[in-house]
Amino acid sequence: MTTKKPSYQEAMNEIEEILTQIESDEPDIDDLAEKVRRVATLIRFCRDKLAKTSEEVEQILGEMDEDQKS
């Protein structure tokens, strides 16, 4: 079964939720490691999404600039 990738906002919400749990609860070591691993995965996903979006926006703006010069 394939897992649907979260949207950027869903990933950020999950990160915030996990951090709140870590800060407010006293999770056992096994649970803590799993939560930190999940947050790390989500952060990588968000960084990649931001980088791809930035590249896409720059490309669009470049195309608009070229259109304006024509």
PDB file of N, CA and C in Angstrom:
ATOM      1  N   MET A   1       0.849  -1.186   0.000  1.00  0.00           N
ATOM      2  CA  MET A   1       0.000   0.000   0.000  1.00  0.00           C
ATOM      3  C   MET A   1       0.893   1.248   0.000  1.00  0.00           C
ATOM      4  N   THR A   2       0.665   2.159  -0.935  1.00  0.00           N
ATOM      5  CA  THR A   2       1.462   3.372  -1.009  1.00  0.00           C
ATOM      6  C   THR A   2       0.893   4.433  -0.076  1.00  0.00           C
ATOM      7  N   THR A   3       1.807   5.178   0.518  1.00  0.00           N
ATOM      8  CA  THR A   3       1.406   6.242   1.420  1.00  0.00           C
ATOM      9  C   THR A   3       1.405   7.548   0.644  1.00  0.00           C
ATOM     10  N   LYS A   4       0.324   8.297   0.760  1.00  0.00           N
ATOM     11  CA  LYS A   4       0.212   9.588   0.080  1.00  0.00           C
ATOM     12  C   LYS A   4       1.152  10.580   0.759  1.00  0.00           C
ATOM     13  N   LYS A   5       1.908  11.318  -0.054  1.00  0.00           N
ATOM     14  CA  LYS A   5       2.778  12.343   0.511  1.00  0.00           C
ATOM     15  C   LYS A   5       1.906  13.468   1.051  1.00  0.00           C
ATOM     16  N   PRO A   6       2.279  13.991   2.207  1.00  0.00           N
ATOM     17  CA  PRO A   6       1.481  15.089   2.760  1.00  0.00           C
ATOM     18  C   PRO A   6       1.736  16.375   1.983  1.00  0.00           C
ATOM     19  N   SER A   7       0.821  17.306   2.104  1.00  0.00           N
ATOM     20  CA  SER A   7       1.080  18.632   1.549  1.00  0.00           C
ATOM     21  C   SER A   7       2.091  19.310   2.478  1.00  0.00           C
ATOM     22  N   TYR A   8       2.634  20.415   2.040  1.00  0.00           N
ATOM     23  CA  TYR A   8       3.583  21.160   2.874  1.00  0.00           C
ATOM     24  C   TYR A   8       2.923  21.535   4.197  1.00  0.00           C
ATOM     25  N   GLN A   9       1.695  22.042   4.128  1.00  0.00           N
ATOM     26  CA  GLN A   9       1.004  22.474   5.344  1.00  0.00           C
ATOM     27  C   GLN A   9       0.716  21.296   6.271  1.00  0.00           C
ATOM     28  N   GLU A  10       0.327  20.155   5.705  1.00  0.00           N
ATOM     29  CA  GLU A  10       0.080  18.964   6.524  1.00  0.00           C
ATOM     30  C   GLU A  10       1.360  18.519   7.230  1.00  0.00           C
ATOM     31  N   ALA A  11       2.475  18.576   6.516  1.00  0.00           N
ATOM     32  CA  ALA A  11       3.758  18.197   7.112  1.00  0.00           C
ATOM     33  C   ALA A  11       4.123  19.151   8.245  1.00  0.00           C
ATOM     34  N   MET A  12       3.945  20.445   8.020  1.00  0.00           N
ATOM     35  CA  MET A  12       4.248  21.423   9.067  1.00  0.00           C
ATOM     36  C   MET A  12       3.351  21.220  10.286  1.00  0.00           C
ATOM     37  N   ASN A  13       2.077  20.945  10.045  1.00  0.00           N
ATOM     38  CA  ASN A  13       1.157  20.693  11.156  1.00  0.00           C
ATOM     39  C   ASN A  13       1.580  19.469  11.956  1.00  0.00           C
ATOM     40  N   GLU A  14       2.000  18.416  11.250  1.00  0.00           N
ATOM     41  CA  GLU A  14       2.434  17.198  11.945  1.00  0.00           C
ATOM     42  C   GLU A  14       3.708  17.459  12.747  1.00  0.00           C
ATOM     43  N   ILE A  15       4.628  18.227  12.188  1.00  0.00           N
ATOM     44  CA  ILE A  15       5.852  18.581  12.921  1.00  0.00           C
ATOM     45  C   ILE A  15       5.486  19.308  14.208  1.00  0.00           C
ATOM     46  N   GLU A  16       4.616  20.300  14.098  1.00  0.00           N
ATOM     47  CA  GLU A  16       4.202  21.063  15.278  1.00  0.00           C
ATOM     48  C   GLU A  16       3.525  20.172  16.312  1.00  0.00           C
ATOM     49  N   GLU A  17       2.687  19.261  15.845  1.00  0.00           N
ATOM     50  CA  GLU A  17       1.983  18.349  16.747  1.00  0.00           C
ATOM     51  C   GLU A  17       2.971  17.445  17.494  1.00  0.00           C
ATOM     52  N   ILE A  18       3.930  16.900  16.771  1.00  0.00           N
ATOM     53  CA  ILE A  18       4.921  16.020  17.399  1.00  0.00           C
ATOM     54  C   ILE A  18       5.778  16.801  18.391  1.00  0.00           C
ATOM     55  N   LEU A  19       6.205  17.998  18.018  1.00  0.00           N
ATOM     56  CA  LEU A  19       7.015  18.806  18.928  1.00  0.00           C
ATOM     57  C   LEU A  19       6.244  19.158  20.195  1.00  0.00           C
ATOM     58  N   THR A  20       4.961  19.448  20.050  1.00  0.00           N
ATOM     59  CA  THR A  20       4.128  19.729  21.223  1.00  0.00           C
ATOM     60  C   THR A  20       4.056  18.509  22.130  1.00  0.00           C
ATOM     61  N   GLN A  21       3.891  17.321  21.532  1.00  0.00           N
ATOM     62  CA  GLN A  21       3.848  16.085  22.319  1.00  0.00           C
ATOM     63  C   GLN A  21       5.163  15.863  23.056  1.00  0.00           C
ATOM     64  N   ILE A  22       6.266  16.082  22.369  1.00  0.00           N
ATOM     65  CA  ILE A  22       7.578  15.876  22.988  1.00  0.00           C
ATOM     66  C   ILE A  22       7.789  16.853  24.137  1.00  0.00           C
ATOM     67  N   GLU A  23       7.393  18.099  23.936  1.00  0.00           N
ATOM     68  CA  GLU A  23       7.594  19.120  24.960  1.00  0.00           C
ATOM     69  C   GLU A  23       6.673  18.940  26.158  1.00  0.00           C
ATOM     70  N   SER A  24       5.447  18.460  25.936  1.00  0.00           N
ATOM     71  CA  SER A  24       4.484  18.391  27.035  1.00  0.00           C
ATOM     72  C   SER A  24       4.469  17.041  27.744  1.00  0.00           C
ATOM     73  N   ASP A  25       4.800  15.979  27.042  1.00  0.00           N
ATOM     74  CA  ASP A  25       4.780  14.643  27.627  1.00  0.00           C
ATOM     75  C   ASP A  25       6.197  14.219  27.991  1.00  0.00           C
ATOM     76  N   GLU A  26       6.275  13.058  28.599  1.00  0.00           N
ATOM     77  CA  GLU A  26       7.573  12.451  28.847  1.00  0.00           C
ATOM     78  C   GLU A  26       7.586  11.108  28.129  1.00  0.00           C
ATOM     79  N   PRO A  27       7.827  11.132  26.807  1.00  0.00           N
ATOM     80  CA  PRO A  27       7.781   9.884  26.039  1.00  0.00           C
ATOM     81  C   PRO A  27       8.935   8.959  26.419  1.00  0.00           C
ATOM     82  N   ASP A  28       8.693   7.649  26.292  1.00  0.00           N
ATOM     83  CA  ASP A  28       9.795   6.728  26.561  1.00  0.00           C
ATOM     84  C   ASP A  28      10.825   6.851  25.439  1.00  0.00           C
ATOM     85  N   ILE A  29      12.006   6.351  25.685  1.00  0.00           N
ATOM     86  CA  ILE A  29      13.118   6.528  24.750  1.00  0.00           C
ATOM     87  C   ILE A  29      12.797   5.979  23.362  1.00  0.00           C
ATOM     88  N   ASP A  30      12.177   4.792  23.292  1.00  0.00           N
ATOM     89  CA  ASP A  30      11.843   4.211  21.990  1.00  0.00           C
ATOM     90  C   ASP A  30      10.864   5.099  21.229  1.00  0.00           C
ATOM     91  N   ASP A  31       9.876   5.612  21.924  1.00  0.00           N
ATOM     92  CA  ASP A  31       8.878   6.484  21.311  1.00  0.00           C
ATOM     93  C   ASP A  31       9.514   7.803  20.880  1.00  0.00           C
ATOM     94  N   LEU A  32      10.395   8.324  21.704  1.00  0.00           N
ATOM     95  CA  LEU A  32      11.059   9.588  21.398  1.00  0.00           C
ATOM     96  C   LEU A  32      11.889   9.471  20.123  1.00  0.00           C
ATOM     97  N   ALA A  33      12.652   8.405  20.008  1.00  0.00           N
ATOM     98  CA  ALA A  33      13.483   8.208  18.817  1.00  0.00           C
ATOM     99  C   ALA A  33      12.619   8.125  17.564  1.00  0.00           C
ATOM    100  N   GLU A  34      11.501   7.423  17.656  1.00  0.00           N
ATOM    101  CA  GLU A  34      10.592   7.297  16.513  1.00  0.00           C
ATOM    102  C   GLU A  34      10.018   8.657  16.120  1.00  0.00           C
ATOM    103  N   LYS A  35       9.631   9.452  17.113  1.00  0.00           N
ATOM    104  CA  LYS A  35       9.064  10.772  16.826  1.00  0.00           C
ATOM    105  C   LYS A  35      10.107  11.703  16.211  1.00  0.00           C
ATOM    106  N   VAL A  36      11.324  11.668  16.740  1.00  0.00           N
ATOM    107  CA  VAL A  36      12.392  12.512  16.193  1.00  0.00           C
ATOM    108  C   VAL A  36      12.707  12.095  14.758  1.00  0.00           C
ATOM    109  N   ARG A  37      12.710  10.796  14.490  1.00  0.00           N
ATOM    110  CA  ARG A  37      12.948  10.294  13.130  1.00  0.00           C
ATOM    111  C   ARG A  37      11.860  10.804  12.184  1.00  0.00           C
ATOM    112  N   ARG A  38      10.608  10.771  12.634  1.00  0.00           N
ATOM    113  CA  ARG A  38       9.494  11.240  11.804  1.00  0.00           C
ATOM    114  C   ARG A  38       9.631  12.738  11.522  1.00  0.00           C
ATOM    115  N   VAL A  39       9.983  13.513  12.543  1.00  0.00           N
ATOM    116  CA  VAL A  39      10.161  14.954  12.357  1.00  0.00           C
ATOM    117  C   VAL A  39      11.290  15.214  11.358  1.00  0.00           C
ATOM    118  N   ALA A  40      12.379  14.471  11.459  1.00  0.00           N
ATOM    119  CA  ALA A  40      13.499  14.643  10.526  1.00  0.00           C
ATOM    120  C   ALA A  40      13.060  14.361   9.090  1.00  0.00           C
ATOM    121  N   THR A  41      12.271  13.316   8.905  1.00  0.00           N
ATOM    122  CA  THR A  41      11.755  12.982   7.577  1.00  0.00           C
ATOM    123  C   THR A  41      10.869  14.103   7.048  1.00  0.00           C
ATOM    124  N   LEU A  42      10.000  14.618   7.897  1.00  0.00           N
ATOM    125  CA  LEU A  42       9.101  15.698   7.484  1.00  0.00           C
ATOM    126  C   LEU A  42       9.870  16.978   7.164  1.00  0.00           C
ATOM    127  N   ILE A  43      10.904  17.269   7.938  1.00  0.00           N
ATOM    128  CA  ILE A  43      11.713  18.464   7.673  1.00  0.00           C
ATOM    129  C   ILE A  43      12.413  18.341   6.321  1.00  0.00           C
ATOM    130  N   ARG A  44      12.953  17.160   6.023  1.00  0.00           N
ATOM    131  CA  ARG A  44      13.584  16.951   4.707  1.00  0.00           C
ATOM    132  C   ARG A  44      12.565  17.157   3.591  1.00  0.00           C
ATOM    133  N   PHE A  45      11.368  16.612   3.776  1.00  0.00           N
ATOM    134  CA  PHE A  45      10.304  16.780   2.784  1.00  0.00           C
ATOM    135  C   PHE A  45      10.002  18.269   2.573  1.00  0.00           C
ATOM    136  N   CYS A  46       9.864  19.017   3.674  1.00  0.00           N
ATOM    137  CA  CYS A  46       9.538  20.449   3.576  1.00  0.00           C
ATOM    138  C   CYS A  46      10.663  21.228   2.897  1.00  0.00           C
ATOM    139  N   ARG A  47      11.905  20.912   3.225  1.00  0.00           N
ATOM    140  CA  ARG A  47      13.042  21.589   2.574  1.00  0.00           C
ATOM    141  C   ARG A  47      13.040  21.340   1.071  1.00  0.00           C
ATOM    142  N   ASP A  48      12.823  20.079   0.692  1.00  0.00           N
ATOM    143  CA  ASP A  48      12.775  19.740  -0.734  1.00  0.00           C
ATOM    144  C   ASP A  48      11.641  20.479  -1.434  1.00  0.00           C
ATOM    145  N   LYS A  49      10.486  20.514  -0.789  1.00  0.00           N
ATOM    146  CA  LYS A  49       9.314  21.189  -1.364  1.00  0.00           C
ATOM    147  C   LYS A  49       9.602  22.683  -1.546  1.00  0.00           C
ATOM    148  N   LEU A  50      10.217  23.306  -0.544  1.00  0.00           N
ATOM    149  CA  LEU A  50      10.556  24.729  -0.642  1.00  0.00           C
ATOM    150  C   LEU A  50      11.557  24.981  -1.767  1.00  0.00           C
ATOM    151  N   ALA A  51      12.567  24.130  -1.884  1.00  0.00           N
ATOM    152  CA  ALA A  51      13.577  24.300  -2.936  1.00  0.00           C
ATOM    153  C   ALA A  51      12.947  24.161  -4.316  1.00  0.00           C
ATOM    154  N   LYS A  52      12.109  23.146  -4.499  1.00  0.00           N
ATOM    155  CA  LYS A  52      11.450  22.939  -5.795  1.00  0.00           C
ATOM    156  C   LYS A  52      10.515  24.095  -6.126  1.00  0.00           C
ATOM    157  N   THR A  53       9.786  24.575  -5.135  1.00  0.00           N
ATOM    158  CA  THR A  53       8.871  25.692  -5.354  1.00  0.00           C
ATOM    159  C   THR A  53       9.649  26.954  -5.714  1.00  0.00           C
ATOM    160  N   SER A  54      10.756  27.188  -5.032  1.00  0.00           N
ATOM    161  CA  SER A  54      11.589  28.352  -5.326  1.00  0.00           C
ATOM    162  C   SER A  54      12.114  28.305  -6.761  1.00  0.00           C
ATOM    163  N   GLU A  55      12.597  27.132  -7.180  1.00  0.00           N
ATOM    164  CA  GLU A  55      13.081  26.976  -8.557  1.00  0.00           C
ATOM    165  C   GLU A  55      11.965  27.236  -9.563  1.00  0.00           C
ATOM    166  N   GLU A  56      10.792  26.705  -9.273  1.00  0.00           N
ATOM    167  CA  GLU A  56       9.653  26.871 -10.177  1.00  0.00           C
ATOM    168  C   GLU A  56       9.249  28.340 -10.294  1.00  0.00           C
ATOM    169  N   VAL A  57       9.210  29.041  -9.163  1.00  0.00           N
ATOM    170  CA  VAL A  57       8.837  30.460  -9.168  1.00  0.00           C
ATOM    171  C   VAL A  57       9.880  31.264  -9.945  1.00  0.00           C
ATOM    172  N   GLU A  58      11.160  30.967  -9.720  1.00  0.00           N
ATOM    173  CA  GLU A  58      12.216  31.679 -10.449  1.00  0.00           C
ATOM    174  C   GLU A  58      12.100  31.447 -11.948  1.00  0.00           C
ATOM    175  N   GLN A  59      11.774  30.220 -12.342  1.00  0.00           N
ATOM    176  CA  GLN A  59      11.607  29.902 -13.761  1.00  0.00           C
ATOM    177  C   GLN A  59      10.435  30.691 -14.343  1.00  0.00           C
ATOM    178  N   ILE A  60       9.334  30.730 -13.631  1.00  0.00           N
ATOM    179  CA  ILE A  60       8.152  31.461 -14.105  1.00  0.00           C
ATOM    180  C   ILE A  60       8.470  32.945 -14.244  1.00  0.00           C
ATOM    181  N   LEU A  61       9.142  33.511 -13.237  1.00  0.00           N
ATOM    182  CA  LEU A  61       9.495  34.929 -13.295  1.00  0.00           C
ATOM    183  C   LEU A  61      10.458  35.204 -14.447  1.00  0.00           C
ATOM    184  N   GLY A  62      11.389  34.275 -14.692  1.00  0.00           N
ATOM    185  CA  GLY A  62      12.307  34.416 -15.823  1.00  0.00           C
ATOM    186  C   GLY A  62      11.566  34.406 -17.145  1.00  0.00           C
ATOM    187  N   GLU A  63      10.591  33.517 -17.265  1.00  0.00           N
ATOM    188  CA  GLU A  63       9.780  33.454 -18.485  1.00  0.00           C
ATOM    189  C   GLU A  63       8.982  34.741 -18.670  1.00  0.00           C
ATOM    190  N   MET A  64       8.454  35.274 -17.578  1.00  0.00           N
ATOM    191  CA  MET A  64       7.691  36.524 -17.667  1.00  0.00           C
ATOM    192  C   MET A  64       8.603  37.662 -18.111  1.00  0.00           C
ATOM    193  N   ASP A  65       9.832  37.678 -17.587  1.00  0.00           N
ATOM    194  CA  ASP A  65      10.792  38.714 -17.948  1.00  0.00           C
ATOM    195  C   ASP A  65      11.139  38.621 -19.432  1.00  0.00           C
ATOM    196  N   GLU A  66      11.327  37.390 -19.933  1.00  0.00           N
ATOM    197  CA  GLU A  66      11.621  37.189 -21.356  1.00  0.00           C
ATOM    198  C   GLU A  66      10.445  37.627 -22.218  1.00  0.00           C
ATOM    199  N   ASP A  67       9.224  37.317 -21.784  1.00  0.00           N
ATOM    200  CA  ASP A  67       8.030  37.726 -22.531  1.00  0.00           C
ATOM    201  C   ASP A  67       7.935  39.243 -22.609  1.00  0.00           C
ATOM    202  N   GLN A  68       8.305  39.910 -21.532  1.00  0.00           N
ATOM    203  CA  GLN A  68       8.210  41.364 -21.483  1.00  0.00           C
ATOM    204  C   GLN A  68       9.232  42.004 -22.427  1.00  0.00           C
ATOM    205  N   LYS A  69      10.388  41.363 -22.600  1.00  0.00           N
ATOM    206  CA  LYS A  69      11.430  41.890 -23.486  1.00  0.00           C
ATOM    207  C   LYS A  69      11.089  41.682 -24.953  1.00  0.00           C
ATOM    208  N   SER A  70      10.223  40.733 -25.245  1.00  0.00           N
ATOM    209  CA  SER A  70       9.867  40.413 -26.644  1.00  0.00           C
ATOM    210  C   SER A  70       8.961  41.446 -27.249  1.00  0.00           C
TER     211      SER A  70
END
